[in-house]
C-alpha atoms as a PDB file:
ATOM      1  CA  MET A   1      -0.090   0.100   0.085  1.00  0.00           C
ATOM      2  CA  LYS A   2       2.791   2.137   0.524  1.00  0.00           C
ATOM      3  CA  ASN A   3       3.288   2.298  -3.130  1.00  0.00           C
ATOM      4  CA  GLU A   4      -0.380   3.581  -3.413  1.00  0.00           C
ATOM      5  CA  TRP A   5       0.525   6.911  -1.164  1.00  0.00           C
ATOM      6  CA  THR A   6       3.696   7.995  -2.778  1.00  0.00           C
ATOM      7  CA  LEU A   7       2.022   8.090  -6.196  1.00  0.00           C
ATOM      8  CA  ILE A   8      -1.067  10.009  -4.397  1.00  0.00           C
ATOM      9  CA  PHE A   9       1.438  11.833  -3.066  1.00  0.00           C
ATOM     10  CA  ILE A  10       3.355  12.803  -5.975  1.00  0.00           C
ATOM     11  CA  LEU A  11       0.192  13.289  -8.057  1.00  0.00           C
ATOM     12  CA  ALA A  12      -1.549  16.237  -5.717  1.00  0.00           C
ATOM     13  CA  LEU A  13       2.249  17.552  -5.840  1.00  0.00           C
ATOM     14  CA  LEU A  14       2.259  17.470  -9.575  1.00  0.00           C
ATOM     15  CA  VAL A  15      -1.143  19.155  -9.589  1.00  0.00           C
ATOM     16  CA  GLY A  16      -0.775  21.738  -6.761  1.00  0.00           C
ATOM     17  CA  VAL A  17       2.087  22.980  -8.585  1.00  0.00           C
ATOM     18  CA  LEU A  18       0.683  22.870 -11.762  1.00  0.00           C
ATOM     19  CA  SER A  19      -2.329  24.500  -9.658  1.00  0.00           C
ATOM     20  CA  LEU A  20      -0.302  27.468  -7.959  1.00  0.00           C
ATOM     21  CA  ALA A  21       2.174  28.318 -11.289  1.00  0.00           C
ATOM     22  CA  GLN A  22      -2.202  28.605 -13.311  1.00  0.00           C
ATOM     23  CA  LEU A  23      -2.599  30.707  -9.835  1.00  0.00           C
ATOM     24  CA  VAL A  24       0.083  33.397 -10.889  1.00  0.00           C
ATOM     25  CA  GLN A  25      -0.676  34.056 -14.423  1.00  0.00           C
ATOM     26  CA  THR A  26      -4.441  34.083 -14.365  1.00  0.00           C
ATOM     27  CA  ALA A  27      -3.641  36.737 -11.540  1.00  0.00           C
ATOM     28  CA  LYS A  28      -0.870  38.068 -13.946  1.00  0.00           C
ATOM     29  CA  VAL A  29      -2.966  38.643 -16.950  1.00  0.00           C
ATOM     30  CA  LEU A  30      -6.833  39.330 -14.356  1.00  0.00           C
ATOM     31  CA  GLY A  31      -7.769  42.533 -15.900  1.00  0.00           C
ATOM     32  CA  GLU A  32      -8.194  40.806 -19.496  1.00  0.00           C
ATOM     33  CA  LEU A  33     -10.123  37.858 -17.935  1.00  0.00           C
ATOM     34  CA  GLY A  34     -12.620  40.481 -16.840  1.00  0.00           C
ATOM     35  CA  PRO A  35     -15.340  38.382 -14.863  1.00  0.00           C
ATOM     36  CA  PHE A  36     -14.829  35.086 -15.926  1.00  0.00           C
ATOM     37  CA  GLY A  37     -10.921  35.968 -13.889  1.00  0.00           C
ATOM     38  CA  PHE A  38     -12.156  35.617 -11.072  1.00  0.00           C
ATOM     39  CA  VAL A  39     -14.097  32.580 -10.973  1.00  0.00           C
ATOM     40  CA  GLN A  40     -11.372  31.272 -12.537  1.00  0.00           C
ATOM     41  CA  LEU A  41      -8.657  32.735 -10.078  1.00  0.00           C
ATOM     42  CA  VAL A  42     -11.222  30.949  -7.428  1.00  0.00           C
ATOM     43  CA  ALA A  43     -11.433  27.735  -9.341  1.00  0.00           C
ATOM     44  CA  PHE A  44      -7.442  26.838  -9.574  1.00  0.00           C
ATOM     45  CA  GLY A  45      -7.000  28.152  -5.689  1.00  0.00           C
ATOM     46  CA  LEU A  46      -9.570  25.507  -4.390  1.00  0.00           C
ATOM     47  CA  ILE A  47      -7.498  23.643  -5.778  1.00  0.00           C
ATOM     48  CA  PHE A  48      -4.568  24.163  -5.128  1.00  0.00           C
ATOM     49  CA  LEU A  49      -5.635  24.412  -1.352  1.00  0.00           C
ATOM     50  CA  ALA A  50      -6.783  20.608  -1.356  1.00  0.00           C
ATOM     51  CA  MET A  51      -3.671  19.169  -2.931  1.00  0.00           C
ATOM     52  CA  MET A  52      -2.164  20.729  -0.293  1.00  0.00           C
ATOM     53  CA  PHE A  53      -4.596  19.388   2.018  1.00  0.00           C
ATOM     54  CA  LEU A  54      -3.843  15.787   0.255  1.00  0.00           C
ATOM     55  CA  LEU A  55      -0.174  17.014   0.457  1.00  0.00           C
ATOM     56  CA  VAL A  56      -0.215  17.542   4.575  1.00  0.00           C
ATOM     57  CA  PHE A  57      -2.683  14.577   5.167  1.00  0.00           C
ATOM     58  CA  GLY A  58       0.015  11.888   3.211  1.00  0.00           C
ATOM     59  CA  MET A  59       2.423  13.021   5.613  1.00  0.00           C
ATOM     60  CA  TYR A  60       0.788  13.470   8.737  1.00  0.00           C
ATOM     61  CA  ALA A  61      -1.029   9.656   8.337  1.00  0.00           C
ATOM     62  CA  SER A  62       2.930   8.342   7.440  1.00  0.00           C
ATOM     63  CA  GLU A  63       4.696   8.586  10.411  1.00  0.00           C
ATOM     64  CA  ASP A  64       3.412   5.629  12.276  1.00  0.00           C
ATOM     65  CA  ASN A  65       2.491   6.408  15.533  1.00  0.00           C
ATOM     66  CA  ARG A  66      -0.414   8.800  14.901  1.00  0.00           C
ATOM     67  CA  GLY A  67      -3.715   6.983  16.665  1.00  0.00           C
ATOM     68  CA  LYS A  68      -6.375   7.237  14.943  1.00  0.00           C
ATOM     69  CA  VAL A  69      -4.710   8.787  11.596  1.00  0.00           C
ATOM     70  CA  VAL A  70      -3.181   5.544  10.764  1.00  0.00           C
ATOM     71  CA  LYS A  71      -6.331   3.148  11.162  1.00  0.00           C
ATOM     72  CA  ARG A  72      -8.931   4.930   9.030  1.00  0.00           C
ATOM     73  CA  VAL A  73      -5.535   4.708   6.720  1.00  0.00           C
ATOM     74  CA  LYS A  74      -4.979   1.446   7.494  1.00  0.00           C
ATOM     75  CA  LEU A  75      -8.912   1.303   7.123  1.00  0.00           C
ATOM     76  CA  PHE A  76      -8.837   3.001   3.064  1.00  0.00           C
ATOM     77  CA  ASP A  77      -5.772   0.721   2.503  1.00  0.00           C
ATOM     78  CA  LYS A  78      -7.899  -2.991   3.173  1.00  0.00           C
ATOM     79  CA  TRP A  79     -10.487  -0.947   1.096  1.00  0.00           C
ATOM     80  CA  LEU A  80      -8.076  -0.871  -1.603  1.00  0.00           C
ATOM     81  CA  SER A  81      -6.901  -4.594  -1.545  1.00  0.00           C
ATOM     82  CA  LYS A  82     -10.494  -5.756  -1.815  1.00  0.00           C
ATOM     83  CA  GLU A  83     -11.156  -4.184  -5.175  1.00  0.00           C
ATOM     84  CA  LYS A  84      -7.869  -4.800  -6.514  1.00  0.00           C
ATOM     85  CA  LYS A  85      -9.071  -8.836  -5.902  1.00  0.00           C
END
């Protein structure tokens, strides 16, 4: 199961960096985009926050001495392994 978490971590990091780059690009041309620019800014901001949450959760859950979170991760791992069978 460690490979799946590593893959999720790497993908979340990649999407987080790309959404941050898109946020910066959108902020630069905000005047040209008009009202749609604010919608785009909010959308990529929410994506960025979600990816950062996944990254922090992944780092927090990867430590074995973290009580309830580790139990939830183990339950999720069991659920993932059931789908593979």
